[in-house]
């Protein structure tokens, strides 16, 4: 019997496309040209803890219970700057505000967030907005999300108002 592919895999644009698209998206998020898409994306700007290097990263934005989250994959090393909390400027819905980002590493909490976003958006939009692909465009089970979070290093960052 042939082994079945994982229910959840990563699906990102090419690095070349990302290098072109990310600065353009950041620029467009500052204008009304994106319309309602301005509340589907955000740009976070912060200084790296160890390097002091400035980062400006456009991401999909997810509101869960009126709290802003980024759901991010294992290859995004910048996310570790938010372990224990870190300040960032967040451009969301046309406004830049100071936020405190906190990396969530509790796998049960992360699984719940990925499930809730998928339930709210539907399989295709959720997968696309999280940089994932779902086998047969079907909503994964709880256990499939939990397995993917472990295998792919999926994490979440919660953004709350800065103190």
C-alpha atoms as a PDB file:
ATOM      1  CA  UNK A   1       0.000   0.000   0.000  1.00  0.00           C
ATOM      2  CA  UNK A   2       1.347   3.450  -0.955  1.00  0.00           C
ATOM      3  CA  UNK A   3       2.081   5.804   1.905  1.00  0.00           C
ATOM      4  CA  UNK A   4      -0.244   8.802   2.007  1.00  0.00           C
ATOM      5  CA  UNK A   5       1.274  12.288   1.883  1.00  0.00           C
ATOM      6  CA  UNK A   6       0.987  14.463   5.017  1.00  0.00           C
ATOM      7  CA  UNK A   7      -2.340  16.243   5.453  1.00  0.00           C
ATOM      8  CA  UNK A   8      -0.530  19.582   5.821  1.00  0.00           C
ATOM      9  CA  UNK A   9       2.553  20.780   3.965  1.00  0.00           C
ATOM     10  CA  UNK A  10       4.157  24.181   3.441  1.00  0.00           C
ATOM     11  CA  UNK A  11       3.369  26.160   0.316  1.00  0.00           C
ATOM     12  CA  UNK A  12       5.292  29.400  -0.122  1.00  0.00           C
ATOM     13  CA  UNK A  13       6.046  31.552  -3.148  1.00  0.00           C
ATOM     14  CA  UNK A  14       9.576  31.404  -4.541  1.00  0.00           C
ATOM     15  CA  UNK A  15      12.278  33.499  -2.809  1.00  0.00           C
ATOM     16  CA  UNK A  16      12.542  35.675  -5.942  1.00  0.00           C
ATOM     17  CA  UNK A  17       8.824  36.408  -5.947  1.00  0.00           C
ATOM     18  CA  UNK A  18       8.929  37.100  -2.210  1.00  0.00           C
ATOM     19  CA  UNK A  19      11.809  39.601  -2.625  1.00  0.00           C
ATOM     20  CA  UNK A  20       9.734  41.473  -5.205  1.00  0.00           C
ATOM     21  CA  UNK A  21       6.322  41.136  -3.592  1.00  0.00           C
ATOM     22  CA  UNK A  22       7.115  41.917   0.077  1.00  0.00           C
ATOM     23  CA  UNK A  23       8.292  45.547  -0.381  1.00  0.00           C
ATOM     24  CA  UNK A  24       5.378  46.188  -2.748  1.00  0.00           C
ATOM     25  CA  UNK A  25       2.878  44.755  -0.246  1.00  0.00           C
ATOM     26  CA  UNK A  26       4.340  46.857   2.572  1.00  0.00           C
ATOM     27  CA  UNK A  27       3.983  49.991   0.431  1.00  0.00           C
ATOM     28  CA  UNK A  28       0.421  49.146  -0.613  1.00  0.00           C
ATOM     29  CA  UNK A  29      -0.641  48.452   2.982  1.00  0.00           C
ATOM     30  CA  UNK A  30      -0.044  52.144   3.711  1.00  0.00           C
ATOM     31  CA  UNK A  31      -2.580  53.168   1.056  1.00  0.00           C
ATOM     32  CA  UNK A  32      -6.312  52.556   0.578  1.00  0.00           C
ATOM     33  CA  UNK A  33      -5.586  50.754  -2.734  1.00  0.00           C
ATOM     34  CA  UNK A  34      -5.843  47.274  -1.179  1.00  0.00           C
ATOM     35  CA  UNK A  35      -9.316  47.956   0.192  1.00  0.00           C
ATOM     36  CA  UNK A  36     -10.532  45.217   2.527  1.00  0.00           C
ATOM     37  CA  UNK A  37      -7.287  43.255   2.001  1.00  0.00           C
ATOM     38  CA  UNK A  38      -5.596  45.755   4.354  1.00  0.00           C
ATOM     39  CA  UNK A  39      -7.074  43.801   7.276  1.00  0.00           C
ATOM     40  CA  UNK A  40      -5.760  40.467   5.938  1.00  0.00           C
ATOM     41  CA  UNK A  41      -2.121  41.525   5.990  1.00  0.00           C
ATOM     42  CA  UNK A  42       0.208  43.417   8.300  1.00  0.00           C
ATOM     43  CA  UNK A  43       3.804  44.525   8.332  1.00  0.00           C
ATOM     44  CA  UNK A  44       5.753  44.187  11.557  1.00  0.00           C
ATOM     45  CA  UNK A  45       8.859  46.319  12.044  1.00  0.00           C
ATOM     46  CA  UNK A  46      11.257  45.559  14.876  1.00  0.00           C
ATOM     47  CA  UNK A  47      14.896  45.463  15.902  1.00  0.00           C
ATOM     48  CA  UNK A  48      16.573  42.081  16.312  1.00  0.00           C
ATOM     49  CA  UNK A  49      17.519  41.277  19.885  1.00  0.00           C
ATOM     50  CA  UNK A  50      20.943  39.832  19.158  1.00  0.00           C
ATOM     51  CA  UNK A  51      21.969  41.593  15.952  1.00  0.00           C
ATOM     52  CA  UNK A  52      20.367  45.010  16.401  1.00  0.00           C
ATOM     53  CA  UNK A  53      19.343  44.654  12.752  1.00  0.00           C
ATOM     54  CA  UNK A  54      16.070  46.265  11.636  1.00  0.00           C
ATOM     55  CA  UNK A  55      13.432  43.918  10.220  1.00  0.00           C
ATOM     56  CA  UNK A  56      10.267  44.811   8.357  1.00  0.00           C
ATOM     57  CA  UNK A  57       8.230  41.707   7.595  1.00  0.00           C
ATOM     58  CA  UNK A  58       4.875  41.596   5.770  1.00  0.00           C
ATOM     59  CA  UNK A  59       2.657  38.788   7.049  1.00  0.00           C
ATOM     60  CA  UNK A  60      -0.865  37.480   6.947  1.00  0.00           C
ATOM     61  CA  UNK A  61      -2.879  38.922   9.816  1.00  0.00           C
ATOM     62  CA  UNK A  62      -5.396  36.865  11.772  1.00  0.00           C
ATOM     63  CA  UNK A  63      -7.884  38.281  14.274  1.00  0.00           C
ATOM     64  CA  UNK A  64      -8.986  35.665  16.792  1.00  0.00           C
ATOM     65  CA  UNK A  65     -11.255  36.921  19.590  1.00  0.00           C
ATOM     66  CA  UNK A  66     -10.233  40.493  18.645  1.00  0.00           C
ATOM     67  CA  UNK A  67      -6.543  39.696  19.213  1.00  0.00           C
ATOM     68  CA  UNK A  68      -4.084  40.055  16.345  1.00  0.00           C
ATOM     69  CA  UNK A  69      -1.933  37.018  15.486  1.00  0.00           C
ATOM     70  CA  UNK A  70       0.672  35.981  12.968  1.00  0.00           C
ATOM     71  CA  UNK A  71       0.814  32.259  12.197  1.00  0.00           C
ATOM     72  CA  UNK A  72       4.294  31.443  10.986  1.00  0.00           C
ATOM     73  CA  UNK A  73       6.316  28.491   9.786  1.00  0.00           C
ATOM     74  CA  UNK A  74       9.508  26.818  10.885  1.00  0.00           C
ATOM     75  CA  UNK A  75      11.805  28.628   8.435  1.00  0.00           C
ATOM     76  CA  UNK A  76      11.009  32.083   9.837  1.00  0.00           C
ATOM     77  CA  UNK A  77      13.973  32.518  12.193  1.00  0.00           C
ATOM     78  CA  UNK A  78      13.050  36.133  12.975  1.00  0.00           C
ATOM     79  CA  UNK A  79      10.103  34.846  15.047  1.00  0.00           C
ATOM     80  CA  UNK A  80      12.460  33.960  17.930  1.00  0.00           C
ATOM     81  CA  UNK A  81      12.936  37.683  18.575  1.00  0.00           C
ATOM     82  CA  UNK A  82       9.455  37.546  20.120  1.00  0.00           C
ATOM     83  CA  UNK A  83      10.230  34.777  22.644  1.00  0.00           C
ATOM     84  CA  UNK A  84       9.322  36.256  26.030  1.00  0.00           C
ATOM     85  CA  UNK A  85       7.851  39.359  24.343  1.00  0.00           C
ATOM     86  CA  UNK A  86       9.316  42.087  22.151  1.00  0.00           C
ATOM     87  CA  UNK A  87       8.177  45.506  20.940  1.00  0.00           C
ATOM     88  CA  UNK A  88       7.200  46.042  17.303  1.00  0.00           C
ATOM     89  CA  UNK A  89       5.549  48.644  15.119  1.00  0.00           C
ATOM     90  CA  UNK A  90       2.604  46.955  13.411  1.00  0.00           C
ATOM     91  CA  UNK A  91       1.042  48.321  10.238  1.00  0.00           C
ATOM     92  CA  UNK A  92      -2.461  46.835  10.108  1.00  0.00           C
ATOM     93  CA  UNK A  93      -5.600  48.123   8.405  1.00  0.00           C
ATOM     94  CA  UNK A  94      -3.776  51.276   7.304  1.00  0.00           C
ATOM     95  CA  UNK A  95      -2.607  52.259  10.802  1.00  0.00           C
ATOM     96  CA  UNK A  96       0.763  51.817  12.499  1.00  0.00           C
ATOM     97  CA  UNK A  97       0.646  51.117  16.229  1.00  0.00           C
ATOM     98  CA  UNK A  98       3.091  49.986  18.889  1.00  0.00           C
ATOM     99  CA  UNK A  99       2.477  46.381  19.886  1.00  0.00           C
ATOM    100  CA  UNK A 100       4.077  43.787  22.086  1.00  0.00           C
ATOM    101  CA  UNK A 101       4.553  40.566  20.186  1.00  0.00           C
ATOM    102  CA  UNK A 102       4.860  37.307  22.090  1.00  0.00           C
ATOM    103  CA  UNK A 103       5.909  34.014  20.527  1.00  0.00           C
ATOM    104  CA  UNK A 104       3.500  31.249  21.490  1.00  0.00           C
ATOM    105  CA  UNK A 105       5.189  27.890  21.765  1.00  0.00           C
ATOM    106  CA  UNK A 106       2.486  25.891  23.580  1.00  0.00           C
ATOM    107  CA  UNK A 107       1.546  23.336  20.944  1.00  0.00           C
ATOM    108  CA  UNK A 108      -2.039  22.927  22.204  1.00  0.00           C
ATOM    109  CA  UNK A 109      -2.641  26.686  21.953  1.00  0.00           C
ATOM    110  CA  UNK A 110      -1.037  26.826  18.498  1.00  0.00           C
ATOM    111  CA  UNK A 111      -3.130  23.877  17.301  1.00  0.00           C
ATOM    112  CA  UNK A 112      -6.278  25.631  18.495  1.00  0.00           C
ATOM    113  CA  UNK A 113      -5.354  28.849  16.675  1.00  0.00           C
ATOM    114  CA  UNK A 114      -4.674  27.059  13.380  1.00  0.00           C
ATOM    115  CA  UNK A 115      -7.966  25.158  13.718  1.00  0.00           C
ATOM    116  CA  UNK A 116      -9.966  28.306  14.486  1.00  0.00           C
ATOM    117  CA  UNK A 117      -8.495  30.243  11.569  1.00  0.00           C
ATOM    118  CA  UNK A 118      -9.207  27.324   9.237  1.00  0.00           C
ATOM    119  CA  UNK A 119     -12.762  27.016  10.523  1.00  0.00           C
ATOM    120  CA  UNK A 120     -13.361  30.756  10.060  1.00  0.00           C
ATOM    121  CA  UNK A 121     -11.818  31.025   6.567  1.00  0.00           C
ATOM    122  CA  UNK A 122     -12.534  27.650   5.009  1.00  0.00           C
ATOM    123  CA  UNK A 123      -9.852  25.237   3.816  1.00  0.00           C
ATOM    124  CA  UNK A 124      -8.602  27.006   0.659  1.00  0.00           C
ATOM    125  CA  UNK A 125      -8.378  30.561   2.017  1.00  0.00           C
ATOM    126  CA  UNK A 126      -6.948  29.388   5.339  1.00  0.00           C
ATOM    127  CA  UNK A 127      -4.238  27.306   3.715  1.00  0.00           C
ATOM    128  CA  UNK A 128      -3.282  30.127   1.346  1.00  0.00           C
ATOM    129  CA  UNK A 129      -3.207  32.752   4.115  1.00  0.00           C
ATOM    130  CA  UNK A 130      -1.059  30.553   6.386  1.00  0.00           C
ATOM    131  CA  UNK A 131       1.431  29.485   3.694  1.00  0.00           C
ATOM    132  CA  UNK A 132       0.221  25.902   3.846  1.00  0.00           C
ATOM    133  CA  UNK A 133      -1.357  23.322   1.587  1.00  0.00           C
ATOM    134  CA  UNK A 134      -4.054  20.931   2.794  1.00  0.00           C
ATOM    135  CA  UNK A 135      -4.273  17.505   1.176  1.00  0.00           C
ATOM    136  CA  UNK A 136      -7.226  17.434  -1.258  1.00  0.00           C
ATOM    137  CA  UNK A 137      -8.126  20.993  -0.104  1.00  0.00           C
ATOM    138  CA  UNK A 138      -9.842  19.417   2.913  1.00  0.00           C
ATOM    139  CA  UNK A 139      -9.882  20.765   6.458  1.00  0.00           C
ATOM    140  CA  UNK A 140      -7.339  18.786   8.492  1.00  0.00           C
ATOM    141  CA  UNK A 141      -8.313  17.044  11.720  1.00  0.00           C
ATOM    142  CA  UNK A 142      -7.127  18.144  15.152  1.00  0.00           C
ATOM    143  CA  UNK A 143      -4.526  15.365  15.171  1.00  0.00           C
ATOM    144  CA  UNK A 144      -3.298  16.347  11.687  1.00  0.00           C
ATOM    145  CA  UNK A 145      -2.826  19.951  12.829  1.00  0.00           C
ATOM    146  CA  UNK A 146      -0.985  18.800  15.959  1.00  0.00           C
ATOM    147  CA  UNK A 147       1.325  16.586  13.877  1.00  0.00           C
ATOM    148  CA  UNK A 148       2.043  19.399  11.389  1.00  0.00           C
ATOM    149  CA  UNK A 149       2.800  21.897  14.154  1.00  0.00           C
ATOM    150  CA  UNK A 150       5.438  19.520  15.480  1.00  0.00           C
ATOM    151  CA  UNK A 151       6.834  18.442  12.075  1.00  0.00           C
ATOM    152  CA  UNK A 152       6.858  21.881  10.417  1.00  0.00           C
ATOM    153  CA  UNK A 153       7.706  23.986  13.479  1.00  0.00           C
ATOM    154  CA  UNK A 154       4.564  26.084  13.106  1.00  0.00           C
ATOM    155  CA  UNK A 155       4.197  28.831  15.690  1.00  0.00           C
ATOM    156  CA  UNK A 156       2.046  31.857  16.461  1.00  0.00           C
ATOM    157  CA  UNK A 157       2.861  35.373  17.590  1.00  0.00           C
ATOM    158  CA  UNK A 158       0.243  37.264  19.606  1.00  0.00           C
ATOM    159  CA  UNK A 159       0.276  41.063  19.232  1.00  0.00           C
ATOM    160  CA  UNK A 160      -1.238  43.115  22.056  1.00  0.00           C
ATOM    161  CA  UNK A 161      -1.071  46.855  22.752  1.00  0.00           C
ATOM    162  CA  UNK A 162       2.379  47.915  23.969  1.00  0.00           C
ATOM    163  CA  UNK A 163       2.476  48.978  27.634  1.00  0.00           C
END
